[in-house]
Amino acid sequence: MWRQIVADVLDVEVVCPVVTEAAAFGGAIQARWCDRRQGEVDLAALCQDWVALDESTLTRPRPEVVARYHTIYRHYRETLAAQYAIAD
């Protein structure tokens, strides 16, 4: 459900990593990168080697829901502009 909400609100495809403990895994990758920085280890290459995506979790935005979120957000921005004289 959360992946679908993120996909719809941000209008992007969402896919999860195979390792579901992302915070700890991200910390481990960062620690490895910091430990090896003297050897010029590229963070992108490290992520390419270590991170695998679970394609079965791929969630695509639903155009009709994306359109509704855009409408709601536009109304929100218009209300802010009117209430607080905020320009777009």
C-alpha atoms as a PDB file:
ATOM      1  CA  MET A   1       0.000   0.000   0.000  1.00  0.00           C
ATOM      2  CA  TRP A   2       2.769   2.484   0.920  1.00  0.00           C
ATOM      3  CA  ARG A   3       4.680   1.792  -2.287  1.00  0.00           C
ATOM      4  CA  GLN A   4       1.539   2.553  -4.275  1.00  0.00           C
ATOM      5  CA  ILE A   5       0.977   5.803  -2.386  1.00  0.00           C
ATOM      6  CA  VAL A   6       4.577   6.896  -3.004  1.00  0.00           C
ATOM      7  CA  ALA A   7       4.330   5.940  -6.683  1.00  0.00           C
ATOM      8  CA  ASP A   8       1.078   7.873  -7.099  1.00  0.00           C
ATOM      9  CA  VAL A   9       2.061  10.997  -5.136  1.00  0.00           C
ATOM     10  CA  LEU A  10       5.502  11.315  -6.726  1.00  0.00           C
ATOM     11  CA  ASP A  11       4.472   9.951 -10.142  1.00  0.00           C
ATOM     12  CA  VAL A  12       7.448   7.575 -10.265  1.00  0.00           C
ATOM     13  CA  GLU A  13       8.006   3.845 -10.381  1.00  0.00           C
ATOM     14  CA  VAL A  14       8.986   2.388  -7.007  1.00  0.00           C
ATOM     15  CA  VAL A  15      10.965  -0.804  -6.457  1.00  0.00           C
ATOM     16  CA  CYS A  16      12.360  -2.188  -3.209  1.00  0.00           C
ATOM     17  CA  PRO A  17      15.770  -3.674  -2.590  1.00  0.00           C
ATOM     18  CA  VAL A  18      16.115  -7.393  -1.890  1.00  0.00           C
ATOM     19  CA  VAL A  19      17.560  -6.546   1.531  1.00  0.00           C
ATOM     20  CA  THR A  20      14.548  -5.163   3.350  1.00  0.00           C
ATOM     21  CA  GLU A  21      16.485  -3.736   6.311  1.00  0.00           C
ATOM     22  CA  ALA A  22      17.435  -0.750   4.184  1.00  0.00           C
ATOM     23  CA  ALA A  23      18.623   1.574   6.953  1.00  0.00           C
ATOM     24  CA  ALA A  24      21.137  -0.911   8.349  1.00  0.00           C
ATOM     25  CA  PHE A  25      22.183  -2.004   4.864  1.00  0.00           C
ATOM     26  CA  GLY A  26      22.673   1.604   3.767  1.00  0.00           C
ATOM     27  CA  GLY A  27      24.782   2.200   6.854  1.00  0.00           C
ATOM     28  CA  ALA A  28      26.916  -0.828   6.011  1.00  0.00           C
ATOM     29  CA  ILE A  29      27.443   0.409   2.454  1.00  0.00           C
ATOM     30  CA  GLN A  30      28.381   3.860   3.694  1.00  0.00           C
ATOM     31  CA  ALA A  31      30.791   2.399   6.262  1.00  0.00           C
ATOM     32  CA  ARG A  32      32.432   0.274   3.561  1.00  0.00           C
ATOM     33  CA  TRP A  33      32.731   3.325   1.308  1.00  0.00           C
ATOM     34  CA  CYS A  34      34.250   5.466   4.085  1.00  0.00           C
ATOM     35  CA  ASP A  35      36.683   2.692   4.994  1.00  0.00           C
ATOM     36  CA  ARG A  36      37.845   2.374   1.385  1.00  0.00           C
ATOM     37  CA  ARG A  37      37.851   6.054   0.368  1.00  0.00           C
ATOM     38  CA  GLN A  38      41.634   6.176   0.459  1.00  0.00           C
ATOM     39  CA  GLY A  39      41.554   3.634  -2.353  1.00  0.00           C
ATOM     40  CA  GLU A  40      39.212   5.819  -4.421  1.00  0.00           C
ATOM     41  CA  VAL A  41      36.229   3.442  -4.205  1.00  0.00           C
ATOM     42  CA  ASP A  42      33.324   4.883  -6.163  1.00  0.00           C
ATOM     43  CA  LEU A  43      30.085   4.896  -4.143  1.00  0.00           C
ATOM     44  CA  ALA A  44      27.966   4.292  -7.253  1.00  0.00           C
ATOM     45  CA  ALA A  45      30.081   1.253  -8.155  1.00  0.00           C
ATOM     46  CA  LEU A  46      29.827  -0.046  -4.603  1.00  0.00           C
ATOM     47  CA  CYS A  47      26.035   0.268  -4.717  1.00  0.00           C
ATOM     48  CA  GLN A  48      25.953  -1.399  -8.133  1.00  0.00           C
ATOM     49  CA  ASP A  49      27.860  -4.359  -6.689  1.00  0.00           C
ATOM     50  CA  TRP A  50      25.987  -4.651  -3.392  1.00  0.00           C
ATOM     51  CA  VAL A  51      22.392  -3.564  -4.014  1.00  0.00           C
ATOM     52  CA  ALA A  52      19.948  -5.877  -5.755  1.00  0.00           C
ATOM     53  CA  LEU A  53      16.378  -4.868  -6.526  1.00  0.00           C
ATOM     54  CA  ASP A  54      13.359  -7.078  -6.004  1.00  0.00           C
ATOM     55  CA  GLU A  55      11.570  -6.612  -9.334  1.00  0.00           C
ATOM     56  CA  SER A  56       8.471  -8.336  -7.928  1.00  0.00           C
ATOM     57  CA  THR A  57       7.921  -5.189  -5.815  1.00  0.00           C
ATOM     58  CA  LEU A  58       7.826  -2.860  -8.835  1.00  0.00           C
ATOM     59  CA  THR A  59       4.916  -0.475  -8.370  1.00  0.00           C
ATOM     60  CA  ARG A  60       3.855   1.903 -11.113  1.00  0.00           C
ATOM     61  CA  PRO A  61       1.904   5.126 -10.641  1.00  0.00           C
ATOM     62  CA  ARG A  62      -1.747   5.017 -11.630  1.00  0.00           C
ATOM     63  CA  PRO A  63      -2.411   7.948 -14.010  1.00  0.00           C
ATOM     64  CA  GLU A  64      -5.942   8.612 -12.734  1.00  0.00           C
ATOM     65  CA  VAL A  65      -4.722   8.804  -9.110  1.00  0.00           C
ATOM     66  CA  VAL A  66      -1.700  10.909 -10.073  1.00  0.00           C
ATOM     67  CA  ALA A  67      -4.078  13.383 -11.728  1.00  0.00           C
ATOM     68  CA  ARG A  68      -6.159  13.611  -8.543  1.00  0.00           C
ATOM     69  CA  TYR A  69      -3.049  14.253  -6.422  1.00  0.00           C
ATOM     70  CA  HIS A  70      -1.964  16.993  -8.845  1.00  0.00           C
ATOM     71  CA  THR A  71      -5.397  18.611  -8.544  1.00  0.00           C
ATOM     72  CA  ILE A  72      -5.298  18.443  -4.742  1.00  0.00           C
ATOM     73  CA  TYR A  73      -1.770  19.845  -4.645  1.00  0.00           C
ATOM     74  CA  ARG A  74      -2.676  22.683  -7.018  1.00  0.00           C
ATOM     75  CA  HIS A  75      -5.612  23.572  -4.754  1.00  0.00           C
ATOM     76  CA  TYR A  76      -3.304  23.462  -1.729  1.00  0.00           C
ATOM     77  CA  ARG A  77      -0.805  25.817  -3.428  1.00  0.00           C
ATOM     78  CA  GLU A  78      -3.605  28.203  -4.458  1.00  0.00           C
ATOM     79  CA  THR A  79      -4.909  28.242  -0.889  1.00  0.00           C
ATOM     80  CA  LEU A  80      -1.437  28.989   0.469  1.00  0.00           C
ATOM     81  CA  ALA A  81      -0.979  31.776  -2.052  1.00  0.00           C
ATOM     82  CA  ALA A  82      -4.313  33.334  -1.145  1.00  0.00           C
ATOM     83  CA  GLN A  83      -3.862  32.939   2.614  1.00  0.00           C
ATOM     84  CA  TYR A  84      -0.233  34.004   2.933  1.00  0.00           C
ATOM     85  CA  ALA A  85       0.460  35.952  -0.266  1.00  0.00           C
ATOM     86  CA  ILE A  86       2.920  33.299  -1.425  1.00  0.00           C
ATOM     87  CA  ALA A  87       3.762  33.505  -5.123  1.00  0.00           C
ATOM     88  CA  ASP A  88       4.249  30.372  -7.209  1.00  0.00           C
END
